[in-house]
Amino acid sequence: MSARLRDFVVAFGRLIDTHPAEPRILEEGGALLRGLVARDDWLPDAFAKPHPERYQQYLLHLDAADRFSVVSFVWGPGQATPVHDHTVWGLIGMLRGAEYSQAYRERDRLLTAQGAPVRLDPGDVEAVSPTVGDVHRVRNAYDDRVSISIHVYGADIGKVRRHTYPPGGGRKPFVSGYSEFPQGLPVSSP
């Protein structure tokens, strides 16, 4: 683990140790994440590798008590998620490239887009949670290059039961798991 990521994980763990309410996590944790993604010199190349067909979700750190996880999302050119939720708080920090996040609201089992898509550029941070808005679709802003965002979630997001929202309505349960770990690189711990 790089020193920059280790410092972030330690600081985030200290914040969580105080048992803060969600607004404080999103505010103070968002500031910590903003500091992490302010410089693009710490993410190992193995955790920045795109896949030609789908975005990658690499686990960078899992808190020993499952209180939070840190993940790099690697977006190949033009790649996107389906509309989905998280069911826990989350912070998204843009490290490299750019992405668009389109928020949705569910009403009567149908989704409607809420406002214009939000563009995240390097250094930008966005929050998601059931209390501030939890349903969105994310896509790489570029059709010709890779983009990378760093996500922090209030659980082991790879094990959380969540939902996608098909275009015809309703919900479909899923558990995301993680992209195959690059060989020889263990899950980190502080």
N, C-alpha and C. Protein backbone atom coordinates (compact mmCIF):
# COMPACT_ATOMS: atom_id res chain seq x y z
N MET A 1 0.85 -1.17 0.00
CA MET A 1 0.00 0.00 0.00
C MET A 1 0.89 1.23 0.00
N SER A 2 0.56 2.19 -0.84
CA SER A 2 1.34 3.42 -0.89
C SER A 2 1.16 4.21 0.40
N ALA A 3 2.13 5.05 0.70
CA ALA A 3 2.06 5.87 1.91
C ALA A 3 0.84 6.79 1.86
N ARG A 4 0.53 7.33 0.70
CA ARG A 4 -0.61 8.24 0.57
C ARG A 4 -1.92 7.51 0.88
N LEU A 5 -2.09 6.31 0.34
CA LEU A 5 -3.30 5.53 0.62
C LEU A 5 -3.33 5.11 2.09
N ARG A 6 -2.21 4.69 2.62
CA ARG A 6 -2.15 4.28 4.03
C ARG A 6 -2.56 5.45 4.94
N ASP A 7 -2.03 6.64 4.67
CA ASP A 7 -2.39 7.81 5.48
C ASP A 7 -3.89 8.09 5.41
N PHE A 8 -4.47 7.94 4.23
CA PHE A 8 -5.90 8.14 4.06
C PHE A 8 -6.69 7.11 4.88
N VAL A 9 -6.32 5.84 4.76
CA VAL A 9 -7.02 4.76 5.46
C VAL A 9 -6.94 4.97 6.98
N VAL A 10 -5.78 5.33 7.48
CA VAL A 10 -5.62 5.57 8.92
C VAL A 10 -6.50 6.74 9.35
N ALA A 11 -6.47 7.84 8.61
CA ALA A 11 -7.29 9.01 8.96
C ALA A 11 -8.78 8.69 8.88
N PHE A 12 -9.18 7.94 7.86
CA PHE A 12 -10.59 7.59 7.72
C PHE A 12 -11.00 6.67 8.87
N GLY A 13 -10.14 5.74 9.24
CA GLY A 13 -10.43 4.86 10.37
C GLY A 13 -10.60 5.63 11.66
N ARG A 14 -9.76 6.64 11.87
CA ARG A 14 -9.89 7.48 13.07
C ARG A 14 -11.23 8.22 13.08
N LEU A 15 -11.64 8.70 11.91
CA LEU A 15 -12.94 9.35 11.82
C LEU A 15 -14.04 8.37 12.21
N ILE A 16 -14.02 7.18 11.66
CA ILE A 16 -15.05 6.17 11.93
C ILE A 16 -15.02 5.75 13.40
N ASP A 17 -13.83 5.74 14.01
CA ASP A 17 -13.70 5.38 15.43
C ASP A 17 -14.51 6.29 16.34
N THR A 18 -14.81 7.52 15.90
CA THR A 18 -15.57 8.46 16.72
C THR A 18 -17.08 8.22 16.63
N HIS A 19 -17.50 7.22 15.85
CA HIS A 19 -18.92 6.88 15.68
C HIS A 19 -19.74 8.08 15.23
N PRO A 20 -19.29 8.76 14.17
CA PRO A 20 -20.01 9.96 13.73
C PRO A 20 -21.32 9.63 13.03
N ALA A 21 -22.21 10.60 13.03
CA ALA A 21 -23.43 10.50 12.24
C ALA A 21 -23.05 10.61 10.76
N GLU A 22 -23.93 10.12 9.91
CA GLU A 22 -23.65 10.11 8.47
C GLU A 22 -23.28 11.48 7.90
N PRO A 23 -23.97 12.56 8.24
CA PRO A 23 -23.56 13.85 7.67
C PRO A 23 -22.09 14.19 7.93
N ARG A 24 -21.61 13.87 9.11
CA ARG A 24 -20.20 14.15 9.43
C ARG A 24 -19.28 13.25 8.62
N ILE A 25 -19.66 11.99 8.45
CA ILE A 25 -18.85 11.08 7.62
C ILE A 25 -18.74 11.64 6.20
N LEU A 26 -19.88 12.06 5.65
CA LEU A 26 -19.88 12.55 4.27
C LEU A 26 -19.08 13.85 4.15
N GLU A 27 -19.18 14.72 5.15
CA GLU A 27 -18.44 15.98 5.09
C GLU A 27 -16.94 15.78 5.35
N GLU A 28 -16.61 15.24 6.51
CA GLU A 28 -15.20 15.09 6.86
C GLU A 28 -14.52 13.98 6.05
N GLY A 29 -15.23 12.89 5.83
CA GLY A 29 -14.68 11.83 4.98
C GLY A 29 -14.50 12.30 3.55
N GLY A 30 -15.45 13.14 3.09
CA GLY A 30 -15.32 13.72 1.75
C GLY A 30 -14.08 14.58 1.63
N ALA A 31 -13.78 15.34 2.68
CA ALA A 31 -12.57 16.17 2.67
C ALA A 31 -11.32 15.29 2.64
N LEU A 32 -11.33 14.20 3.40
CA LEU A 32 -10.18 13.28 3.37
C LEU A 32 -10.01 12.68 1.97
N LEU A 33 -11.12 12.26 1.35
CA LEU A 33 -11.04 11.67 0.02
C LEU A 33 -10.59 12.72 -1.01
N ARG A 34 -11.06 13.94 -0.86
CA ARG A 34 -10.63 15.02 -1.75
C ARG A 34 -9.11 15.18 -1.69
N GLY A 35 -8.54 15.07 -0.49
CA GLY A 35 -7.10 15.14 -0.33
C GLY A 35 -6.39 13.98 -1.01
N LEU A 36 -6.98 12.78 -0.92
CA LEU A 36 -6.36 11.61 -1.56
C LEU A 36 -6.34 11.74 -3.08
N VAL A 37 -7.46 12.17 -3.67
CA VAL A 37 -7.53 12.22 -5.13
C VAL A 37 -6.97 13.52 -5.71
N ALA A 38 -6.48 14.41 -4.84
CA ALA A 38 -5.89 15.66 -5.32
C ALA A 38 -4.59 15.41 -6.08
N ARG A 39 -3.95 14.28 -5.81
CA ARG A 39 -2.70 13.93 -6.51
C ARG A 39 -2.84 12.53 -7.09
N ASP A 40 -2.44 12.39 -8.33
CA ASP A 40 -2.54 11.11 -9.03
C ASP A 40 -1.14 10.50 -9.15
N ASP A 41 -0.57 10.12 -8.00
CA ASP A 41 0.79 9.56 -8.02
C ASP A 41 0.93 8.36 -7.09
N TRP A 42 -0.17 7.78 -6.66
CA TRP A 42 -0.09 6.75 -5.62
C TRP A 42 -0.75 5.42 -5.99
N LEU A 43 -1.64 5.38 -6.96
CA LEU A 43 -2.37 4.15 -7.30
C LEU A 43 -1.48 3.23 -8.12
N PRO A 44 -1.21 2.00 -7.62
CA PRO A 44 -0.39 1.06 -8.39
C PRO A 44 -1.03 0.75 -9.75
N ASP A 45 -0.21 0.59 -10.76
CA ASP A 45 -0.70 0.31 -12.11
C ASP A 45 -1.63 -0.90 -12.16
N ALA A 46 -1.37 -1.89 -11.31
CA ALA A 46 -2.19 -3.11 -11.31
C ALA A 46 -3.65 -2.81 -10.96
N PHE A 47 -3.90 -1.74 -10.22
CA PHE A 47 -5.25 -1.37 -9.82
C PHE A 47 -5.84 -0.28 -10.70
N ALA A 48 -5.20 -0.05 -11.84
CA ALA A 48 -5.66 0.94 -12.80
C ALA A 48 -5.87 0.31 -14.17
N LYS A 49 -5.91 -1.03 -14.22
CA LYS A 49 -6.04 -1.74 -15.50
C LYS A 49 -7.50 -1.85 -15.92
N PRO A 50 -7.81 -1.37 -17.11
CA PRO A 50 -9.18 -1.50 -17.61
C PRO A 50 -9.40 -2.89 -18.19
N HIS A 51 -10.64 -3.23 -18.38
CA HIS A 51 -11.06 -4.45 -19.07
C HIS A 51 -11.76 -3.99 -20.35
N PRO A 52 -11.57 -4.68 -21.46
CA PRO A 52 -12.17 -4.19 -22.71
C PRO A 52 -13.70 -4.20 -22.75
N GLU A 53 -14.34 -4.99 -21.88
CA GLU A 53 -15.79 -5.13 -21.96
C GLU A 53 -16.57 -4.49 -20.82
N ARG A 54 -15.96 -4.35 -19.64
CA ARG A 54 -16.71 -3.86 -18.48
C ARG A 54 -15.79 -3.13 -17.51
N TYR A 55 -16.38 -2.24 -16.75
CA TYR A 55 -15.59 -1.52 -15.75
C TYR A 55 -15.06 -2.50 -14.72
N GLN A 56 -13.98 -2.11 -14.07
CA GLN A 56 -13.34 -2.94 -13.05
C GLN A 56 -13.52 -2.31 -11.68
N GLN A 57 -13.69 -3.13 -10.67
CA GLN A 57 -13.89 -2.69 -9.29
C GLN A 57 -12.85 -3.42 -8.44
N TYR A 58 -11.70 -2.76 -8.20
CA TYR A 58 -10.61 -3.38 -7.46
C TYR A 58 -10.64 -2.95 -5.99
N LEU A 59 -10.61 -3.92 -5.10
CA LEU A 59 -10.56 -3.63 -3.67
C LEU A 59 -9.16 -3.16 -3.31
N LEU A 60 -9.07 -1.94 -2.76
CA LEU A 60 -7.79 -1.39 -2.31
C LEU A 60 -7.58 -1.60 -0.81
N HIS A 61 -8.68 -1.51 -0.04
CA HIS A 61 -8.59 -1.69 1.41
C HIS A 61 -9.94 -2.09 1.96
N LEU A 62 -9.93 -3.05 2.88
CA LEU A 62 -11.12 -3.43 3.62
C LEU A 62 -10.81 -3.28 5.09
N ASP A 63 -11.55 -2.44 5.78
CA ASP A 63 -11.39 -2.25 7.21
C ASP A 63 -11.58 -3.60 7.90
N ALA A 64 -10.75 -3.88 8.90
CA ALA A 64 -10.78 -5.18 9.58
C ALA A 64 -12.14 -5.50 10.19
N ALA A 65 -12.90 -4.47 10.54
CA ALA A 65 -14.23 -4.67 11.13
C ALA A 65 -15.35 -4.44 10.10
N ASP A 66 -15.02 -4.40 8.81
CA ASP A 66 -15.99 -4.18 7.73
C ASP A 66 -16.73 -2.85 7.87
N ARG A 67 -16.13 -1.85 8.53
CA ARG A 67 -16.79 -0.55 8.70
C ARG A 67 -16.73 0.28 7.44
N PHE A 68 -15.70 0.06 6.61
CA PHE A 68 -15.60 0.76 5.33
C PHE A 68 -14.68 0.01 4.40
N SER A 69 -14.86 0.26 3.12
CA SER A 69 -14.01 -0.32 2.09
C SER A 69 -13.60 0.79 1.13
N VAL A 70 -12.42 0.63 0.51
CA VAL A 70 -11.89 1.59 -0.45
C VAL A 70 -11.65 0.82 -1.75
N VAL A 71 -12.18 1.35 -2.83
CA VAL A 71 -12.19 0.63 -4.10
C VAL A 71 -11.77 1.57 -5.22
N SER A 72 -10.99 1.05 -6.18
CA SER A 72 -10.73 1.83 -7.40
C SER A 72 -11.67 1.30 -8.49
N PHE A 73 -12.38 2.23 -9.13
CA PHE A 73 -13.22 1.89 -10.27
C PHE A 73 -12.48 2.34 -11.52
N VAL A 74 -12.26 1.42 -12.41
CA VAL A 74 -11.52 1.71 -13.64
C VAL A 74 -12.49 1.58 -14.80
N TRP A 75 -12.68 2.70 -15.48
CA TRP A 75 -13.65 2.80 -16.57
C TRP A 75 -12.92 2.80 -17.90
N GLY A 76 -13.12 1.77 -18.71
CA GLY A 76 -12.61 1.79 -20.07
C GLY A 76 -13.39 2.81 -20.88
N PRO A 77 -12.91 3.13 -22.07
CA PRO A 77 -13.60 4.11 -22.92
C PRO A 77 -15.08 3.76 -23.10
N GLY A 78 -15.95 4.72 -22.79
CA GLY A 78 -17.39 4.56 -23.01
C GLY A 78 -18.11 3.63 -22.05
N GLN A 79 -17.45 3.05 -21.08
CA GLN A 79 -18.11 2.09 -20.19
C GLN A 79 -19.02 2.79 -19.19
N ALA A 80 -20.05 2.05 -18.75
CA ALA A 80 -21.04 2.61 -17.83
C ALA A 80 -21.62 1.51 -16.95
N THR A 81 -22.21 1.91 -15.85
CA THR A 81 -22.94 0.99 -14.99
C THR A 81 -24.40 0.96 -15.43
N PRO A 82 -25.13 -0.04 -15.00
CA PRO A 82 -26.59 0.08 -15.09
C PRO A 82 -27.04 1.05 -13.99
N VAL A 83 -28.29 1.44 -14.01
CA VAL A 83 -28.84 2.22 -12.90
C VAL A 83 -28.83 1.28 -11.69
N HIS A 84 -28.29 1.79 -10.56
CA HIS A 84 -28.13 0.94 -9.38
C HIS A 84 -28.19 1.76 -8.10
N ASP A 85 -28.31 1.05 -6.97
CA ASP A 85 -28.25 1.70 -5.67
C ASP A 85 -27.08 1.13 -4.88
N HIS A 86 -26.90 1.62 -3.64
CA HIS A 86 -25.78 1.20 -2.81
C HIS A 86 -26.23 0.65 -1.47
N THR A 87 -27.30 1.18 -0.91
CA THR A 87 -27.92 0.84 0.37
C THR A 87 -27.08 1.24 1.58
N VAL A 88 -25.89 1.78 1.37
CA VAL A 88 -25.02 2.30 2.43
C VAL A 88 -24.46 3.64 1.95
N TRP A 89 -23.88 4.43 2.87
CA TRP A 89 -23.27 5.68 2.44
C TRP A 89 -22.04 5.36 1.58
N GLY A 90 -21.75 6.30 0.68
CA GLY A 90 -20.58 6.15 -0.17
C GLY A 90 -20.05 7.51 -0.59
N LEU A 91 -18.75 7.54 -0.86
CA LEU A 91 -18.08 8.74 -1.37
C LEU A 91 -17.33 8.35 -2.63
N ILE A 92 -17.44 9.18 -3.66
CA ILE A 92 -16.79 8.93 -4.94
C ILE A 92 -15.85 10.09 -5.21
N GLY A 93 -14.57 9.79 -5.38
CA GLY A 93 -13.57 10.82 -5.67
C GLY A 93 -12.93 10.55 -7.02
N MET A 94 -12.90 11.55 -7.87
CA MET A 94 -12.34 11.37 -9.21
C MET A 94 -10.83 11.54 -9.17
N LEU A 95 -10.13 10.51 -9.64
CA LEU A 95 -8.67 10.53 -9.64
C LEU A 95 -8.10 10.88 -11.01
N ARG A 96 -8.64 10.27 -12.05
CA ARG A 96 -8.07 10.41 -13.40
C ARG A 96 -9.19 10.38 -14.43
N GLY A 97 -9.12 11.23 -15.42
CA GLY A 97 -10.17 11.29 -16.44
C GLY A 97 -11.38 12.02 -15.90
N ALA A 98 -12.58 11.54 -16.24
CA ALA A 98 -13.83 12.15 -15.78
C ALA A 98 -14.95 11.15 -15.93
N GLU A 99 -16.01 11.36 -15.16
CA GLU A 99 -17.19 10.52 -15.29
C GLU A 99 -18.43 11.36 -15.06
N TYR A 100 -19.55 10.85 -15.56
CA TYR A 100 -20.85 11.46 -15.34
C TYR A 100 -21.67 10.57 -14.43
N SER A 101 -22.37 11.20 -13.50
CA SER A 101 -23.28 10.50 -12.61
C SER A 101 -24.66 11.09 -12.80
N GLN A 102 -25.60 10.26 -13.22
CA GLN A 102 -26.99 10.69 -13.40
C GLN A 102 -27.82 10.13 -12.25
N ALA A 103 -28.38 11.00 -11.43
CA ALA A 103 -29.22 10.59 -10.31
C ALA A 103 -30.61 10.23 -10.82
N TYR A 104 -31.25 9.28 -10.11
CA TYR A 104 -32.61 8.85 -10.42
C TYR A 104 -33.41 8.80 -9.13
N ARG A 105 -34.71 8.91 -9.30
CA ARG A 105 -35.63 8.73 -8.18
C ARG A 105 -36.65 7.69 -8.59
N GLU A 106 -36.96 6.80 -7.67
CA GLU A 106 -37.95 5.76 -7.93
C GLU A 106 -39.29 6.20 -7.37
N ARG A 107 -40.31 6.11 -8.20
CA ARG A 107 -41.68 6.42 -7.77
C ARG A 107 -42.60 5.44 -8.48
N ASP A 108 -43.40 4.76 -7.70
CA ASP A 108 -44.33 3.76 -8.24
C ASP A 108 -43.60 2.72 -9.09
N ARG A 109 -42.43 2.32 -8.60
CA ARG A 109 -41.58 1.29 -9.22
C ARG A 109 -41.02 1.69 -10.58
N LEU A 110 -41.12 2.98 -10.93
CA LEU A 110 -40.53 3.49 -12.16
C LEU A 110 -39.50 4.56 -11.81
N LEU A 111 -38.47 4.66 -12.63
CA LEU A 111 -37.40 5.62 -12.38
C LEU A 111 -37.55 6.85 -13.26
N THR A 112 -37.20 8.00 -12.68
CA THR A 112 -37.10 9.22 -13.46
C THR A 112 -35.76 9.87 -13.14
N ALA A 113 -35.13 10.41 -14.17
CA ALA A 113 -33.86 11.12 -13.97
C ALA A 113 -34.12 12.38 -13.15
N GLN A 114 -33.18 12.68 -12.25
CA GLN A 114 -33.29 13.85 -11.40
C GLN A 114 -32.21 14.85 -11.79
N GLY A 115 -32.59 15.89 -12.49
CA GLY A 115 -31.63 16.91 -12.89
C GLY A 115 -30.70 16.44 -13.99
N ALA A 116 -29.73 17.27 -14.27
CA ALA A 116 -28.73 16.95 -15.30
C ALA A 116 -27.65 16.06 -14.71
N PRO A 117 -26.96 15.28 -15.55
CA PRO A 117 -25.85 14.49 -15.04
C PRO A 117 -24.78 15.40 -14.41
N VAL A 118 -24.17 14.91 -13.35
CA VAL A 118 -23.09 15.63 -12.67
C VAL A 118 -21.77 15.11 -13.22
N ARG A 119 -20.91 16.02 -13.67
CA ARG A 119 -19.60 15.63 -14.17
C ARG A 119 -18.58 15.73 -13.03
N LEU A 120 -17.85 14.65 -12.81
CA LEU A 120 -16.77 14.64 -11.83
C LEU A 120 -15.45 14.68 -12.58
N ASP A 121 -14.64 15.67 -12.25
CA ASP A 121 -13.29 15.81 -12.80
C ASP A 121 -12.29 15.53 -11.69
N PRO A 122 -11.01 15.34 -12.01
CA PRO A 122 -10.03 15.03 -10.97
C PRO A 122 -10.12 15.99 -9.79
N GLY A 123 -10.17 15.39 -8.58
CA GLY A 123 -10.27 16.15 -7.35
C GLY A 123 -11.69 16.33 -6.85
N ASP A 124 -12.69 16.11 -7.70
CA ASP A 124 -14.09 16.25 -7.29
C ASP A 124 -14.54 15.05 -6.47
N VAL A 125 -15.46 15.30 -5.53
CA VAL A 125 -16.00 14.25 -4.67
C VAL A 125 -17.52 14.39 -4.64
N GLU A 126 -18.20 13.25 -4.72
CA GLU A 126 -19.66 13.21 -4.65
C GLU A 126 -20.06 12.17 -3.61
N ALA A 127 -21.20 12.39 -2.92
CA ALA A 127 -21.70 11.45 -1.92
C ALA A 127 -22.97 10.78 -2.43
N VAL A 128 -23.16 9.53 -1.97
CA VAL A 128 -24.39 8.79 -2.20
C VAL A 128 -24.78 8.12 -0.89
N SER A 129 -26.07 7.94 -0.69
CA SER A 129 -26.58 7.17 0.44
C SER A 129 -28.10 7.18 0.34
N PRO A 130 -28.75 6.29 1.05
CA PRO A 130 -30.21 6.32 1.05
C PRO A 130 -30.78 7.64 1.57
N THR A 131 -30.02 8.40 2.35
CA THR A 131 -30.54 9.66 2.89
C THR A 131 -30.28 10.87 1.99
N VAL A 132 -29.25 10.82 1.13
CA VAL A 132 -28.94 11.98 0.28
C VAL A 132 -29.17 11.72 -1.21
N GLY A 133 -29.54 10.50 -1.55
CA GLY A 133 -29.73 10.11 -2.95
C GLY A 133 -28.85 8.92 -3.24
N ASP A 134 -29.47 7.80 -3.56
CA ASP A 134 -28.72 6.55 -3.62
C ASP A 134 -28.80 5.84 -4.96
N VAL A 135 -29.64 6.29 -5.85
CA VAL A 135 -29.82 5.59 -7.13
C VAL A 135 -29.21 6.44 -8.23
N HIS A 136 -28.29 5.85 -8.98
CA HIS A 136 -27.67 6.59 -10.09
C HIS A 136 -27.10 5.64 -11.13
N ARG A 137 -26.69 6.22 -12.22
CA ARG A 137 -25.98 5.53 -13.30
C ARG A 137 -24.72 6.33 -13.55
N VAL A 138 -23.59 5.64 -13.66
CA VAL A 138 -22.30 6.29 -13.84
C VAL A 138 -21.71 5.84 -15.17
N ARG A 139 -21.05 6.79 -15.87
CA ARG A 139 -20.39 6.43 -17.12
C ARG A 139 -19.11 7.23 -17.29
N ASN A 140 -18.17 6.62 -17.97
CA ASN A 140 -16.94 7.31 -18.32
C ASN A 140 -17.30 8.48 -19.23
N ALA A 141 -16.76 9.63 -18.94
CA ALA A 141 -17.04 10.82 -19.76
C ALA A 141 -16.34 10.76 -21.11
N TYR A 142 -15.40 9.83 -21.26
CA TYR A 142 -14.60 9.76 -22.48
C TYR A 142 -14.84 8.46 -23.25
N ASP A 143 -14.87 8.58 -24.56
CA ASP A 143 -14.99 7.42 -25.43
C ASP A 143 -13.63 6.96 -25.95
N ASP A 144 -12.55 7.66 -25.54
CA ASP A 144 -11.24 7.34 -26.11
C ASP A 144 -10.14 7.13 -25.06
N ARG A 145 -10.51 7.12 -23.77
CA ARG A 145 -9.49 6.91 -22.75
C ARG A 145 -10.11 6.40 -21.44
N VAL A 146 -9.23 5.92 -20.59
CA VAL A 146 -9.61 5.36 -19.29
C VAL A 146 -9.84 6.49 -18.28
N SER A 147 -10.79 6.28 -17.40
CA SER A 147 -11.02 7.15 -16.25
C SER A 147 -11.01 6.29 -15.00
N ILE A 148 -10.57 6.87 -13.88
CA ILE A 148 -10.48 6.13 -12.62
C ILE A 148 -11.04 6.97 -11.49
N SER A 149 -11.94 6.37 -10.72
CA SER A 149 -12.46 7.01 -9.52
C SER A 149 -12.20 6.12 -8.31
N ILE A 150 -12.05 6.75 -7.16
CA ILE A 150 -11.81 6.04 -5.91
C ILE A 150 -13.07 6.18 -5.06
N HIS A 151 -13.60 5.04 -4.62
CA HIS A 151 -14.85 5.01 -3.87
C HIS A 151 -14.59 4.50 -2.45
N VAL A 152 -15.29 5.09 -1.50
CA VAL A 152 -15.26 4.65 -0.11
C VAL A 152 -16.70 4.38 0.29
N TYR A 153 -16.96 3.20 0.84
CA TYR A 153 -18.32 2.81 1.22
C TYR A 153 -18.38 2.43 2.69
N GLY A 154 -19.55 2.57 3.30
CA GLY A 154 -19.75 2.26 4.70
C GLY A 154 -20.01 0.80 4.98
N ALA A 155 -19.34 -0.08 4.25
CA ALA A 155 -19.45 -1.53 4.42
C ALA A 155 -18.47 -2.17 3.44
N ASP A 156 -18.39 -3.48 3.46
CA ASP A 156 -17.64 -4.21 2.42
C ASP A 156 -18.55 -4.25 1.21
N ILE A 157 -18.42 -3.26 0.33
CA ILE A 157 -19.38 -3.08 -0.76
C ILE A 157 -19.45 -4.29 -1.68
N GLY A 158 -18.39 -5.07 -1.75
CA GLY A 158 -18.41 -6.27 -2.58
C GLY A 158 -19.34 -7.35 -2.08
N LYS A 159 -19.81 -7.24 -0.82
CA LYS A 159 -20.70 -8.23 -0.23
C LYS A 159 -22.12 -7.70 0.03
N VAL A 160 -22.33 -6.42 -0.22
CA VAL A 160 -23.62 -5.80 0.09
C VAL A 160 -24.66 -6.18 -0.96
N ARG A 161 -25.83 -6.60 -0.50
CA ARG A 161 -26.94 -6.90 -1.41
C ARG A 161 -27.56 -5.57 -1.85
N ARG A 162 -27.50 -5.32 -3.17
CA ARG A 162 -27.98 -4.05 -3.73
C ARG A 162 -28.95 -4.36 -4.85
N HIS A 163 -29.27 -3.32 -5.66
CA HIS A 163 -30.23 -3.50 -6.74
C HIS A 163 -29.80 -2.76 -8.00
N THR A 164 -30.13 -3.35 -9.13
CA THR A 164 -30.13 -2.61 -10.39
C THR A 164 -31.59 -2.36 -10.72
N TYR A 165 -31.79 -1.37 -11.59
CA TYR A 165 -33.15 -0.95 -11.95
C TYR A 165 -33.30 -1.08 -13.46
N PRO A 166 -33.89 -2.19 -13.93
CA PRO A 166 -34.05 -2.39 -15.37
C PRO A 166 -34.91 -1.29 -16.01
N PRO A 167 -34.70 -1.03 -17.30
CA PRO A 167 -35.47 0.04 -17.97
C PRO A 167 -36.98 -0.13 -17.89
N GLY A 168 -37.49 -1.35 -17.81
CA GLY A 168 -38.94 -1.57 -17.77
C GLY A 168 -39.55 -1.39 -16.40
N GLY A 169 -38.74 -1.10 -15.39
CA GLY A 169 -39.26 -0.91 -14.04
C GLY A 169 -38.88 -2.06 -13.12
N GLY A 170 -39.09 -1.85 -11.84
CA GLY A 170 -38.78 -2.85 -10.84
C GLY A 170 -37.32 -2.81 -10.41
N ARG A 171 -36.94 -3.80 -9.62
CA ARG A 171 -35.59 -3.92 -9.08
C ARG A 171 -35.08 -5.34 -9.30
N LYS A 172 -33.78 -5.44 -9.49
CA LYS A 172 -33.14 -6.75 -9.61
C LYS A 172 -32.00 -6.80 -8.60
N PRO A 173 -32.03 -7.75 -7.63
CA PRO A 173 -30.96 -7.81 -6.63
C PRO A 173 -29.63 -8.25 -7.24
N PHE A 174 -28.54 -7.74 -6.69
CA PHE A 174 -27.21 -8.19 -7.08
C PHE A 174 -26.22 -7.93 -5.95
N VAL A 175 -25.12 -8.65 -5.99
CA VAL A 175 -23.97 -8.43 -5.12
C VAL A 175 -22.79 -8.25 -6.06
N SER A 176 -22.10 -7.12 -5.98
CA SER A 176 -21.11 -6.78 -7.00
C SER A 176 -19.83 -7.61 -6.94
N GLY A 177 -19.41 -8.02 -5.76
CA GLY A 177 -18.10 -8.65 -5.65
C GLY A 177 -17.03 -7.66 -6.08
N TYR A 178 -15.86 -8.19 -6.42
CA TYR A 178 -14.74 -7.36 -6.86
C TYR A 178 -14.14 -7.97 -8.12
N SER A 179 -13.46 -7.15 -8.88
CA SER A 179 -12.74 -7.64 -10.05
C SER A 179 -11.61 -8.53 -9.55
N GLU A 180 -11.20 -9.45 -10.40
CA GLU A 180 -10.12 -10.35 -10.02
C GLU A 180 -8.91 -9.56 -9.58
N PHE A 181 -8.39 -9.93 -8.42
CA PHE A 181 -7.23 -9.25 -7.87
C PHE A 181 -6.01 -9.49 -8.72
N PRO A 182 -5.26 -8.44 -9.05
CA PRO A 182 -4.01 -8.66 -9.77
C PRO A 182 -3.12 -9.61 -8.97
N GLN A 183 -2.52 -10.56 -9.64
CA GLN A 183 -1.71 -11.58 -8.96
C GLN A 183 -0.60 -10.98 -8.13
N GLY A 184 -0.43 -11.56 -6.93
CA GLY A 184 0.67 -11.16 -6.07
C GLY A 184 0.40 -9.94 -5.23
N LEU A 185 -0.81 -9.35 -5.34
CA LEU A 185 -1.10 -8.15 -4.56
C LEU A 185 -2.20 -8.48 -3.56
N PRO A 186 -1.87 -8.56 -2.28
CA PRO A 186 -2.85 -8.91 -1.26
C PRO A 186 -3.78 -7.75 -0.91
N VAL A 187 -4.92 -8.07 -0.32
CA VAL A 187 -5.77 -7.03 0.23
C VAL A 187 -4.97 -6.29 1.28
N SER A 188 -5.06 -4.99 1.29
CA SER A 188 -4.22 -4.18 2.16
C SER A 188 -4.81 -4.07 3.55
N SER A 189 -3.97 -3.74 4.48
CA SER A 189 -4.38 -3.38 5.83
C SER A 189 -3.40 -2.35 6.35
N PRO A 190 -3.86 -1.46 7.23
CA PRO A 190 -2.95 -0.39 7.69
C PRO A 190 -1.82 -0.93 8.54
